[in-house]
């Protein structure tokens, strides 16, 4: 299917660039407090647009997205209330108003993360794609989670093994993301879309990695650079193998 002119992808890039400059070199004024929640919305919608434009199958895509949003939000709500399965933590209202202890935007955040990882995992087998999707979600969360806590998006309780975060958090996200990947058909991802989703994933790693440097989480910053290079290598290997 011929690629149409994208709208949300460039909008996401513009919003990302503004947020990157403000957060790294200045600060986000209170009048723009809503921008962090809006960023997550743009992230999810951008990935949805890329898939919808590539396949034209919007109805099945929206069903899958709705399932991701409902399931991840529900699991988050249970975990906030009980400490299972992710661990014990609480959200602040930084990402938007809380509904049963969870900001409504967190569902869209995980839609973006899972779709991004799903498209990065360009496999010909649903099982292999599910495993790789789960792995990429964990890669992003390894960078995102410690920085997000430092920025008061949420707060972990107790003493986890990874910057205060329990390993159950990462194990749960691997399993959950891998299972949710089965909701989607195997996509024939063209080079243009594959390049864009790889770039978006790298941008997310870069943003939180640089914020890691800024907030004193130096290992997170260096780890983000390593992951960016690994993601680029994954893309280049995949493209070469298909020529």
C-alpha atoms as a PDB file:
ATOM      1  CA  UNK A   1       0.000   0.000   0.000  1.00  0.00           C
ATOM      2  CA  UNK A   2       1.322   3.423  -0.969  1.00  0.00           C
ATOM      3  CA  UNK A   3       2.379   5.502   2.010  1.00  0.00           C
ATOM      4  CA  UNK A   4       0.225   8.594   2.537  1.00  0.00           C
ATOM      5  CA  UNK A   5       1.326  11.904   3.953  1.00  0.00           C
ATOM      6  CA  UNK A   6       1.792  11.466   7.682  1.00  0.00           C
ATOM      7  CA  UNK A   7       0.425  14.063  10.095  1.00  0.00           C
ATOM      8  CA  UNK A   8       1.046  12.773  13.596  1.00  0.00           C
ATOM      9  CA  UNK A   9       4.613  11.617  12.986  1.00  0.00           C
ATOM     10  CA  UNK A  10       5.970  15.118  12.243  1.00  0.00           C
ATOM     11  CA  UNK A  11       3.778  16.535  15.022  1.00  0.00           C
ATOM     12  CA  UNK A  12       5.341  14.078  17.459  1.00  0.00           C
ATOM     13  CA  UNK A  13       8.836  15.057  16.304  1.00  0.00           C
ATOM     14  CA  UNK A  14       8.080  18.754  16.814  1.00  0.00           C
ATOM     15  CA  UNK A  15       6.582  18.191  20.275  1.00  0.00           C
ATOM     16  CA  UNK A  16       9.486  15.922  21.189  1.00  0.00           C
ATOM     17  CA  UNK A  17      12.063  18.516  20.109  1.00  0.00           C
ATOM     18  CA  UNK A  18      10.430  21.274  22.139  1.00  0.00           C
ATOM     19  CA  UNK A  19      10.208  19.034  25.197  1.00  0.00           C
ATOM     20  CA  UNK A  20      13.806  17.872  24.828  1.00  0.00           C
ATOM     21  CA  UNK A  21      15.161  21.427  24.734  1.00  0.00           C
ATOM     22  CA  UNK A  22      13.011  22.619  27.633  1.00  0.00           C
ATOM     23  CA  UNK A  23      13.792  19.667  29.891  1.00  0.00           C
ATOM     24  CA  UNK A  24      17.515  19.505  29.179  1.00  0.00           C
ATOM     25  CA  UNK A  25      18.444  23.183  29.032  1.00  0.00           C
ATOM     26  CA  UNK A  26      15.690  25.022  30.878  1.00  0.00           C
ATOM     27  CA  UNK A  27      12.539  23.786  32.587  1.00  0.00           C
ATOM     28  CA  UNK A  28       8.920  23.096  31.725  1.00  0.00           C
ATOM     29  CA  UNK A  29       6.870  26.103  32.913  1.00  0.00           C
ATOM     30  CA  UNK A  30       3.733  25.418  34.934  1.00  0.00           C
ATOM     31  CA  UNK A  31       1.626  26.722  32.045  1.00  0.00           C
ATOM     32  CA  UNK A  32       2.906  23.761  30.008  1.00  0.00           C
ATOM     33  CA  UNK A  33       2.459  21.133  32.710  1.00  0.00           C
ATOM     34  CA  UNK A  34      -0.028  19.359  30.459  1.00  0.00           C
ATOM     35  CA  UNK A  35       2.691  18.825  27.844  1.00  0.00           C
ATOM     36  CA  UNK A  36       4.059  15.641  29.441  1.00  0.00           C
ATOM     37  CA  UNK A  37       0.685  13.928  29.277  1.00  0.00           C
ATOM     38  CA  UNK A  38       0.171  15.203  25.735  1.00  0.00           C
ATOM     39  CA  UNK A  39       3.574  13.841  24.744  1.00  0.00           C
ATOM     40  CA  UNK A  40       2.466  10.323  25.696  1.00  0.00           C
ATOM     41  CA  UNK A  41      -0.717  10.757  23.680  1.00  0.00           C
ATOM     42  CA  UNK A  42       1.239  11.902  20.599  1.00  0.00           C
ATOM     43  CA  UNK A  43       3.627   8.979  21.041  1.00  0.00           C
ATOM     44  CA  UNK A  44       0.824   6.422  20.943  1.00  0.00           C
ATOM     45  CA  UNK A  45      -1.079   8.115  18.110  1.00  0.00           C
ATOM     46  CA  UNK A  46       2.097   8.445  16.046  1.00  0.00           C
ATOM     47  CA  UNK A  47       2.728   4.681  16.177  1.00  0.00           C
ATOM     48  CA  UNK A  48      -0.925   3.976  15.433  1.00  0.00           C
ATOM     49  CA  UNK A  49      -0.771   6.242  12.395  1.00  0.00           C
ATOM     50  CA  UNK A  50       2.309   4.460  11.051  1.00  0.00           C
ATOM     51  CA  UNK A  51       0.633   1.044  11.346  1.00  0.00           C
ATOM     52  CA  UNK A  52      -2.713   2.246  10.012  1.00  0.00           C
ATOM     53  CA  UNK A  53      -1.108   3.980   7.053  1.00  0.00           C
ATOM     54  CA  UNK A  54       1.048   0.931   6.312  1.00  0.00           C
ATOM     55  CA  UNK A  55      -1.746  -1.658   6.471  1.00  0.00           C
ATOM     56  CA  UNK A  56      -4.988   0.236   5.971  1.00  0.00           C
ATOM     57  CA  UNK A  57      -6.568  -2.077   8.567  1.00  0.00           C
ATOM     58  CA  UNK A  58      -7.668   0.513  11.097  1.00  0.00           C
ATOM     59  CA  UNK A  59     -10.498  -1.524  12.610  1.00  0.00           C
ATOM     60  CA  UNK A  60      -8.319  -4.433  13.721  1.00  0.00           C
ATOM     61  CA  UNK A  61      -5.617  -1.994  14.852  1.00  0.00           C
ATOM     62  CA  UNK A  62      -8.048  -0.070  17.059  1.00  0.00           C
ATOM     63  CA  UNK A  63      -9.273  -3.319  18.616  1.00  0.00           C
ATOM     64  CA  UNK A  64      -5.714  -4.302  19.472  1.00  0.00           C
ATOM     65  CA  UNK A  65      -4.931  -0.839  20.837  1.00  0.00           C
ATOM     66  CA  UNK A  66      -8.077  -0.867  22.965  1.00  0.00           C
ATOM     67  CA  UNK A  67      -7.075  -4.259  24.386  1.00  0.00           C
ATOM     68  CA  UNK A  68      -3.578  -2.988  25.234  1.00  0.00           C
ATOM     69  CA  UNK A  69      -4.976   0.122  26.917  1.00  0.00           C
ATOM     70  CA  UNK A  70      -7.561  -1.741  28.983  1.00  0.00           C
ATOM     71  CA  UNK A  71      -5.290  -4.605  30.020  1.00  0.00           C
ATOM     72  CA  UNK A  72      -2.246  -2.500  30.912  1.00  0.00           C
ATOM     73  CA  UNK A  73      -4.323   0.064  32.809  1.00  0.00           C
ATOM     74  CA  UNK A  74      -6.067  -2.713  34.741  1.00  0.00           C
ATOM     75  CA  UNK A  75      -2.794  -4.421  35.646  1.00  0.00           C
ATOM     76  CA  UNK A  76      -1.334  -1.060  36.704  1.00  0.00           C
ATOM     77  CA  UNK A  77      -4.370  -0.348  38.910  1.00  0.00           C
ATOM     78  CA  UNK A  78      -4.123  -3.761  40.570  1.00  0.00           C
ATOM     79  CA  UNK A  79      -0.397  -3.317  41.156  1.00  0.00           C
ATOM     80  CA  UNK A  80      -0.812   0.162  42.663  1.00  0.00           C
ATOM     81  CA  UNK A  81      -3.472  -1.192  45.009  1.00  0.00           C
ATOM     82  CA  UNK A  82      -1.763  -4.469  45.967  1.00  0.00           C
ATOM     83  CA  UNK A  83       1.917  -4.326  44.988  1.00  0.00           C
ATOM     84  CA  UNK A  84       1.424  -7.249  42.590  1.00  0.00           C
ATOM     85  CA  UNK A  85       2.671  -8.011  39.955  1.00  0.00           C
ATOM     86  CA  UNK A  86       5.020  -5.068  39.303  1.00  0.00           C
ATOM     87  CA  UNK A  87       5.882  -4.202  42.881  1.00  0.00           C
ATOM     88  CA  UNK A  88       4.884  -1.495  45.336  1.00  0.00           C
ATOM     89  CA  UNK A  89       4.654   2.014  43.882  1.00  0.00           C
ATOM     90  CA  UNK A  90       2.402   5.062  43.604  1.00  0.00           C
ATOM     91  CA  UNK A  91       1.789   7.546  40.804  1.00  0.00           C
ATOM     92  CA  UNK A  92       1.881  11.316  41.154  1.00  0.00           C
ATOM     93  CA  UNK A  93      -0.389  13.514  39.037  1.00  0.00           C
ATOM     94  CA  UNK A  94       2.521  14.593  36.780  1.00  0.00           C
ATOM     95  CA  UNK A  95       1.180  12.530  33.880  1.00  0.00           C
ATOM     96  CA  UNK A  96      -2.399  13.664  34.371  1.00  0.00           C
ATOM     97  CA  UNK A  97      -5.354  13.112  36.705  1.00  0.00           C
ATOM     98  CA  UNK A  98      -5.415   9.799  38.564  1.00  0.00           C
ATOM     99  CA  UNK A  99      -8.193   7.271  38.047  1.00  0.00           C
ATOM    100  CA  UNK A 100      -8.142   4.584  40.762  1.00  0.00           C
ATOM    101  CA  UNK A 101      -4.561   5.580  41.452  1.00  0.00           C
ATOM    102  CA  UNK A 102      -3.321   5.529  37.845  1.00  0.00           C
ATOM    103  CA  UNK A 103      -3.078   8.448  35.365  1.00  0.00           C
ATOM    104  CA  UNK A 104      -5.294   7.791  32.357  1.00  0.00           C
ATOM    105  CA  UNK A 105      -2.386   8.596  30.035  1.00  0.00           C
ATOM    106  CA  UNK A 106      -0.379   5.615  31.276  1.00  0.00           C
ATOM    107  CA  UNK A 107      -2.529   3.318  29.126  1.00  0.00           C
ATOM    108  CA  UNK A 108      -1.592   5.347  26.046  1.00  0.00           C
ATOM    109  CA  UNK A 109       2.047   5.364  27.124  1.00  0.00           C
ATOM    110  CA  UNK A 110       2.077   1.582  27.053  1.00  0.00           C
ATOM    111  CA  UNK A 111       0.210   1.526  23.753  1.00  0.00           C
ATOM    112  CA  UNK A 112       3.086   3.557  22.329  1.00  0.00           C
ATOM    113  CA  UNK A 113       5.811   1.465  23.959  1.00  0.00           C
ATOM    114  CA  UNK A 114       4.320  -1.868  22.916  1.00  0.00           C
ATOM    115  CA  UNK A 115       3.501  -0.811  19.341  1.00  0.00           C
ATOM    116  CA  UNK A 116       6.962   0.708  18.975  1.00  0.00           C
ATOM    117  CA  UNK A 117       8.592  -2.498  20.229  1.00  0.00           C
ATOM    118  CA  UNK A 118       6.263  -4.646  18.112  1.00  0.00           C
ATOM    119  CA  UNK A 119       7.296  -2.874  14.904  1.00  0.00           C
ATOM    120  CA  UNK A 120      10.954  -2.926  15.888  1.00  0.00           C
ATOM    121  CA  UNK A 121      10.677  -6.723  16.236  1.00  0.00           C
ATOM    122  CA  UNK A 122      10.377  -7.372  12.511  1.00  0.00           C
ATOM    123  CA  UNK A 123      10.032 -11.171  12.685  1.00  0.00           C
ATOM    124  CA  UNK A 124       8.336 -13.771  10.484  1.00  0.00           C
ATOM    125  CA  UNK A 125       7.118 -15.792  13.467  1.00  0.00           C
ATOM    126  CA  UNK A 126       4.567 -14.601  16.021  1.00  0.00           C
ATOM    127  CA  UNK A 127       6.423 -16.369  18.812  1.00  0.00           C
ATOM    128  CA  UNK A 128       9.795 -14.859  17.904  1.00  0.00           C
ATOM    129  CA  UNK A 129       8.161 -11.462  17.494  1.00  0.00           C
ATOM    130  CA  UNK A 130       6.487 -11.773  20.895  1.00  0.00           C
ATOM    131  CA  UNK A 131       9.803 -12.582  22.579  1.00  0.00           C
ATOM    132  CA  UNK A 132      11.593  -9.717  20.866  1.00  0.00           C
ATOM    133  CA  UNK A 133       8.723  -7.309  21.597  1.00  0.00           C
ATOM    134  CA  UNK A 134       8.976  -8.141  25.285  1.00  0.00           C
ATOM    135  CA  UNK A 135      12.746  -7.665  25.180  1.00  0.00           C
ATOM    136  CA  UNK A 136      12.499  -4.205  23.584  1.00  0.00           C
ATOM    137  CA  UNK A 137       9.874  -3.110  26.102  1.00  0.00           C
ATOM    138  CA  UNK A 138      12.250  -4.093  28.898  1.00  0.00           C
ATOM    139  CA  UNK A 139      15.142  -2.259  27.193  1.00  0.00           C
ATOM    140  CA  UNK A 140      13.119   0.966  27.113  1.00  0.00           C
ATOM    141  CA  UNK A 141      11.833   0.502  30.650  1.00  0.00           C
ATOM    142  CA  UNK A 142      15.368  -0.024  31.965  1.00  0.00           C
ATOM    143  CA  UNK A 143      16.103   3.553  30.856  1.00  0.00           C
ATOM    144  CA  UNK A 144      12.705   5.139  31.391  1.00  0.00           C
ATOM    145  CA  UNK A 145      11.751   3.854  34.836  1.00  0.00           C
ATOM    146  CA  UNK A 146      14.632   5.154  36.999  1.00  0.00           C
ATOM    147  CA  UNK A 147      14.545   8.562  35.306  1.00  0.00           C
ATOM    148  CA  UNK A 148      10.758   8.837  35.534  1.00  0.00           C
ATOM    149  CA  UNK A 149      10.926   8.167  39.261  1.00  0.00           C
ATOM    150  CA  UNK A 150      13.647  10.805  39.626  1.00  0.00           C
ATOM    151  CA  UNK A 151      11.343  13.255  37.827  1.00  0.00           C
ATOM    152  CA  UNK A 152       8.507  12.348  40.236  1.00  0.00           C
ATOM    153  CA  UNK A 153       6.269  10.651  37.678  1.00  0.00           C
ATOM    154  CA  UNK A 154       5.866   7.861  40.223  1.00  0.00           C
ATOM    155  CA  UNK A 155       7.540   6.571  43.375  1.00  0.00           C
ATOM    156  CA  UNK A 156       8.734   3.060  44.123  1.00  0.00           C
ATOM    157  CA  UNK A 157       8.549   1.754  47.675  1.00  0.00           C
ATOM    158  CA  UNK A 158      11.145  -0.547  49.164  1.00  0.00           C
ATOM    159  CA  UNK A 159      14.627  -1.368  47.946  1.00  0.00           C
ATOM    160  CA  UNK A 160      14.600  -2.961  44.508  1.00  0.00           C
ATOM    161  CA  UNK A 161      17.698  -4.433  42.873  1.00  0.00           C
ATOM    162  CA  UNK A 162      17.769  -1.956  39.948  1.00  0.00           C
ATOM    163  CA  UNK A 163      17.976   1.667  41.141  1.00  0.00           C
ATOM    164  CA  UNK A 164      15.377   0.844  43.766  1.00  0.00           C
ATOM    165  CA  UNK A 165      13.081  -0.857  41.246  1.00  0.00           C
ATOM    166  CA  UNK A 166      12.160  -4.515  41.827  1.00  0.00           C
ATOM    167  CA  UNK A 167      13.094  -6.998  39.113  1.00  0.00           C
ATOM    168  CA  UNK A 168       9.487  -8.223  39.126  1.00  0.00           C
ATOM    169  CA  UNK A 169       8.626  -4.994  37.316  1.00  0.00           C
ATOM    170  CA  UNK A 170      10.765  -5.889  34.315  1.00  0.00           C
ATOM    171  CA  UNK A 171       9.803  -9.565  34.321  1.00  0.00           C
ATOM    172  CA  UNK A 172       6.120  -8.628  34.340  1.00  0.00           C
ATOM    173  CA  UNK A 173       6.491  -6.166  31.491  1.00  0.00           C
ATOM    174  CA  UNK A 174       8.375  -8.719  29.405  1.00  0.00           C
ATOM    175  CA  UNK A 175       5.643 -11.314  29.872  1.00  0.00           C
ATOM    176  CA  UNK A 176       2.774  -8.856  29.413  1.00  0.00           C
ATOM    177  CA  UNK A 177       4.237  -7.228  26.296  1.00  0.00           C
ATOM    178  CA  UNK A 178       5.045 -10.606  24.747  1.00  0.00           C
ATOM    179  CA  UNK A 179       1.483 -11.833  25.299  1.00  0.00           C
ATOM    180  CA  UNK A 180      -0.068  -8.620  23.967  1.00  0.00           C
ATOM    181  CA  UNK A 181       2.021  -8.920  20.804  1.00  0.00           C
ATOM    182  CA  UNK A 182      -0.093 -11.931  19.839  1.00  0.00           C
ATOM    183  CA  UNK A 183      -3.085  -9.607  19.405  1.00  0.00           C
ATOM    184  CA  UNK A 184      -1.585  -8.260  16.190  1.00  0.00           C
ATOM    185  CA  UNK A 185      -1.002  -9.973  12.836  1.00  0.00           C
ATOM    186  CA  UNK A 186       2.468 -10.309  11.375  1.00  0.00           C
ATOM    187  CA  UNK A 187       3.039  -7.074   9.493  1.00  0.00           C
ATOM    188  CA  UNK A 188       5.062  -6.744   6.311  1.00  0.00           C
ATOM    189  CA  UNK A 189       7.032  -3.720   7.447  1.00  0.00           C
ATOM    190  CA  UNK A 190       8.548  -1.688   4.640  1.00  0.00           C
ATOM    191  CA  UNK A 191      11.913   0.025   4.959  1.00  0.00           C
ATOM    192  CA  UNK A 192      10.437   3.494   5.400  1.00  0.00           C
ATOM    193  CA  UNK A 193       8.226   2.508   8.328  1.00  0.00           C
ATOM    194  CA  UNK A 194      10.959   0.379   9.871  1.00  0.00           C
ATOM    195  CA  UNK A 195      13.332   3.353   9.744  1.00  0.00           C
ATOM    196  CA  UNK A 196      10.765   5.639  11.376  1.00  0.00           C
ATOM    197  CA  UNK A 197       9.875   3.284  14.244  1.00  0.00           C
ATOM    198  CA  UNK A 198      13.558   2.613  14.883  1.00  0.00           C
ATOM    199  CA  UNK A 199      14.203   6.362  15.017  1.00  0.00           C
ATOM    200  CA  UNK A 200      11.274   6.928  17.388  1.00  0.00           C
ATOM    201  CA  UNK A 201      12.537   4.210  19.726  1.00  0.00           C
ATOM    202  CA  UNK A 202      16.010   5.747  19.655  1.00  0.00           C
ATOM    203  CA  UNK A 203      14.535   9.176  20.404  1.00  0.00           C
ATOM    204  CA  UNK A 204      12.809   7.803  23.500  1.00  0.00           C
ATOM    205  CA  UNK A 205      16.050   6.218  24.687  1.00  0.00           C
ATOM    206  CA  UNK A 206      17.923   9.456  23.994  1.00  0.00           C
ATOM    207  CA  UNK A 207      15.439  11.663  25.850  1.00  0.00           C
ATOM    208  CA  UNK A 208      15.412   9.629  29.032  1.00  0.00           C
ATOM    209  CA  UNK A 209      19.113   8.849  28.753  1.00  0.00           C
ATOM    210  CA  UNK A 210      20.017  12.541  28.591  1.00  0.00           C
ATOM    211  CA  UNK A 211      17.637  13.250  31.467  1.00  0.00           C
ATOM    212  CA  UNK A 212      19.481  10.484  33.296  1.00  0.00           C
ATOM    213  CA  UNK A 213      22.732  12.408  32.852  1.00  0.00           C
ATOM    214  CA  UNK A 214      21.009  15.618  33.988  1.00  0.00           C
ATOM    215  CA  UNK A 215      19.521  14.064  37.127  1.00  0.00           C
ATOM    216  CA  UNK A 216      22.747  12.340  38.173  1.00  0.00           C
ATOM    217  CA  UNK A 217      21.854   8.846  36.933  1.00  0.00           C
ATOM    218  CA  UNK A 218      25.094   8.557  34.973  1.00  0.00           C
ATOM    219  CA  UNK A 219      24.924   4.761  34.377  1.00  0.00           C
ATOM    220  CA  UNK A 220      21.453   5.188  32.861  1.00  0.00           C
ATOM    221  CA  UNK A 221      22.755   7.841  30.487  1.00  0.00           C
ATOM    222  CA  UNK A 222      25.609   5.654  29.255  1.00  0.00           C
ATOM    223  CA  UNK A 223      23.326   2.611  29.047  1.00  0.00           C
ATOM    224  CA  UNK A 224      20.918   4.568  26.856  1.00  0.00           C
ATOM    225  CA  UNK A 225      23.720   5.310  24.378  1.00  0.00           C
ATOM    226  CA  UNK A 226      24.630   1.623  24.261  1.00  0.00           C
ATOM    227  CA  UNK A 227      20.991   0.674  23.628  1.00  0.00           C
ATOM    228  CA  UNK A 228      20.681   3.289  20.864  1.00  0.00           C
ATOM    229  CA  UNK A 229      23.629   1.680  19.084  1.00  0.00           C
ATOM    230  CA  UNK A 230      22.169  -1.809  19.573  1.00  0.00           C
ATOM    231  CA  UNK A 231      18.822  -0.697  18.131  1.00  0.00           C
ATOM    232  CA  UNK A 232      20.583   0.822  15.120  1.00  0.00           C
ATOM    233  CA  UNK A 233      22.536  -2.397  14.602  1.00  0.00           C
ATOM    234  CA  UNK A 234      19.287  -4.368  14.774  1.00  0.00           C
ATOM    235  CA  UNK A 235      17.753  -2.213  12.051  1.00  0.00           C
ATOM    236  CA  UNK A 236      20.792  -2.385   9.781  1.00  0.00           C
ATOM    237  CA  UNK A 237      21.143  -6.146  10.183  1.00  0.00           C
ATOM    238  CA  UNK A 238      17.467  -6.681   9.433  1.00  0.00           C
ATOM    239  CA  UNK A 239      17.606  -4.547   6.291  1.00  0.00           C
ATOM    240  CA  UNK A 240      20.767  -6.181   4.992  1.00  0.00           C
ATOM    241  CA  UNK A 241      19.319  -9.633   5.590  1.00  0.00           C
ATOM    242  CA  UNK A 242      16.308  -8.789   3.412  1.00  0.00           C
ATOM    243  CA  UNK A 243      18.183  -7.359   0.427  1.00  0.00           C
END
